[in-house]
Amino acid sequence: MKSLSELQELKEKTLQEINLRMQNGGTKIVVCMGTCGIAAGARETMRAIVAELKNKNVNYASVLLSGCDGNCEEEPVVKVIEPTGEETVYVHVDTEGGKRIVNEHVIAHKVVDGMTR
């Protein structure tokens, strides 16, 4: 940091990213972040999902984190929960899979083929 304005800019950027993860209502994208998920790449998957939501200006979806869902061999696991309560579980989700979930499921409202449980 070289100036107060740089610090303020960083603060605003960080708050925008936090807000993406804390939206109420709308579609919820839950990334399982137990130890097994993190070891399998869930952190990178979550970052890719957040970045894709931001890049596509999607403000009706939030990203939430959870612990292990008990299926360690399927990690990284991502769940998409519609406002209706309907839940779709995706398994072995890498960064590209996370982007597909945003574009195909969240934006286009189609379940991504070949990635569900």
Protein backbone atom coordinates (compact mmCIF):
# COMPACT_ATOMS: atom_id res chain seq x y z
CA MET A 1 0.00 0.00 0.00
CA LYS A 2 1.29 3.36 -0.97
CA SER A 3 -1.71 5.49 -0.17
CA LEU A 4 -4.95 5.71 1.73
CA SER A 5 -6.86 5.66 -1.57
CA GLU A 6 -5.31 2.28 -2.48
CA LEU A 7 -6.40 0.91 0.89
CA GLN A 8 -9.94 2.26 0.35
CA GLU A 9 -10.06 0.69 -3.12
CA LEU A 10 -8.97 -2.68 -1.70
CA LYS A 11 -11.60 -2.41 1.03
CA GLU A 12 -14.39 -1.72 -1.50
CA LYS A 13 -13.31 -4.62 -3.72
CA THR A 14 -13.24 -7.00 -0.75
CA LEU A 15 -16.67 -5.85 0.46
CA GLN A 16 -18.13 -6.48 -3.01
CA GLU A 17 -16.76 -10.04 -2.98
CA ILE A 18 -18.15 -10.64 0.52
CA ASN A 19 -21.55 -9.32 -0.56
CA LEU A 20 -21.62 -11.83 -3.43
CA ARG A 21 -21.28 -14.56 -0.84
CA MET A 22 -23.91 -13.17 1.55
CA GLN A 23 -26.93 -12.38 -0.68
CA ASN A 24 -30.30 -13.28 0.82
CA GLY A 25 -32.91 -15.03 -1.27
CA GLY A 26 -32.27 -16.15 -4.80
CA THR A 27 -30.19 -19.14 -5.77
CA LYS A 28 -27.72 -20.52 -3.25
CA ILE A 29 -24.51 -22.19 -4.37
CA VAL A 30 -23.09 -24.24 -1.51
CA VAL A 31 -19.48 -25.40 -1.76
CA CYS A 32 -18.56 -28.20 0.65
CA MET A 33 -15.34 -27.12 2.33
CA GLY A 34 -14.51 -29.92 4.73
CA THR A 35 -10.87 -30.99 4.92
CA CYS A 36 -11.44 -33.57 2.18
CA GLY A 37 -13.06 -30.96 -0.09
CA ILE A 38 -10.28 -28.46 0.43
CA ALA A 39 -7.67 -31.15 -0.31
CA ALA A 40 -9.56 -32.00 -3.53
CA GLY A 41 -9.60 -28.36 -4.70
CA ALA A 42 -12.86 -26.93 -3.30
CA ARG A 43 -11.23 -23.61 -2.41
CA GLU A 44 -10.16 -23.04 -6.01
CA THR A 45 -13.60 -24.16 -7.23
CA MET A 46 -15.29 -21.67 -4.89
CA ARG A 47 -13.04 -18.86 -6.08
CA ALA A 48 -13.83 -19.69 -9.72
CA ILE A 49 -17.57 -19.66 -8.98
CA VAL A 50 -17.38 -16.30 -7.20
CA ALA A 51 -15.28 -14.83 -10.03
CA GLU A 52 -17.70 -16.11 -12.70
CA LEU A 53 -20.71 -14.69 -10.85
CA LYS A 54 -18.93 -11.35 -10.67
CA ASN A 55 -17.84 -11.47 -14.34
CA LYS A 56 -21.41 -12.22 -15.46
CA ASN A 57 -22.91 -9.62 -13.08
CA VAL A 58 -25.12 -12.23 -11.43
CA ASN A 59 -26.59 -10.61 -8.33
CA TYR A 60 -29.38 -13.10 -7.61
CA ALA A 61 -27.13 -15.92 -6.40
CA SER A 62 -25.01 -16.28 -3.30
CA VAL A 63 -22.09 -18.55 -2.52
CA LEU A 64 -22.14 -20.29 0.84
CA LEU A 65 -19.69 -22.69 2.44
CA SER A 66 -20.45 -25.88 4.34
CA GLY A 67 -18.51 -28.72 5.87
CA CYS A 68 -18.10 -32.18 4.43
CA ASP A 69 -21.33 -33.79 3.22
CA GLY A 70 -20.04 -37.29 3.96
CA ASN A 71 -19.10 -38.32 0.43
CA CYS A 72 -15.39 -37.61 0.48
CA GLU A 73 -14.72 -39.60 -2.70
CA GLU A 74 -16.96 -37.17 -4.64
CA GLU A 75 -15.22 -33.94 -3.61
CA PRO A 76 -15.28 -31.14 -4.53
CA VAL A 77 -19.06 -31.16 -4.06
CA VAL A 78 -21.21 -28.16 -5.01
CA LYS A 79 -24.92 -27.90 -4.30
CA VAL A 80 -27.23 -25.49 -6.12
CA ILE A 81 -30.37 -24.68 -4.17
CA GLU A 82 -33.10 -22.89 -6.10
CA PRO A 83 -35.39 -20.34 -4.40
CA THR A 84 -38.08 -23.07 -4.60
CA GLY A 85 -35.92 -25.33 -2.42
CA GLU A 86 -35.03 -27.72 -5.25
CA GLU A 87 -31.46 -28.94 -4.77
CA THR A 88 -29.01 -30.27 -7.36
CA VAL A 89 -25.75 -31.87 -6.19
CA TYR A 90 -22.68 -31.69 -8.41
CA VAL A 91 -19.62 -33.86 -7.79
CA HIS A 92 -15.93 -33.72 -8.76
CA VAL A 93 -16.33 -30.01 -9.54
CA ASP A 94 -13.10 -28.38 -10.65
CA THR A 95 -12.71 -24.71 -11.57
CA GLU A 96 -14.05 -25.21 -15.11
CA GLY A 97 -16.97 -27.20 -13.72
CA GLY A 98 -17.71 -24.36 -11.33
CA LYS A 99 -17.86 -21.92 -14.23
CA ARG A 100 -20.18 -24.30 -16.12
CA ILE A 101 -22.49 -24.47 -13.10
CA VAL A 102 -22.75 -20.67 -13.06
CA ASN A 103 -23.34 -20.37 -16.81
CA GLU A 104 -25.51 -23.42 -17.48
CA HIS A 105 -27.39 -23.92 -14.22
CA VAL A 106 -27.57 -20.55 -12.49
CA ILE A 107 -27.90 -18.36 -15.59
CA ALA A 108 -29.48 -20.71 -18.20
CA HIS A 109 -31.49 -22.79 -15.66
CA LYS A 110 -30.32 -26.15 -17.04
CA VAL A 111 -28.73 -28.91 -14.98
CA VAL A 112 -25.15 -29.49 -16.15
CA ASP A 113 -24.92 -32.92 -17.80
CA GLY A 114 -22.47 -35.47 -16.45
CA MET A 115 -21.65 -33.72 -13.18
CA THR A 116 -24.54 -34.64 -10.89
CA ARG A 117 -24.67 -37.31 -8.22
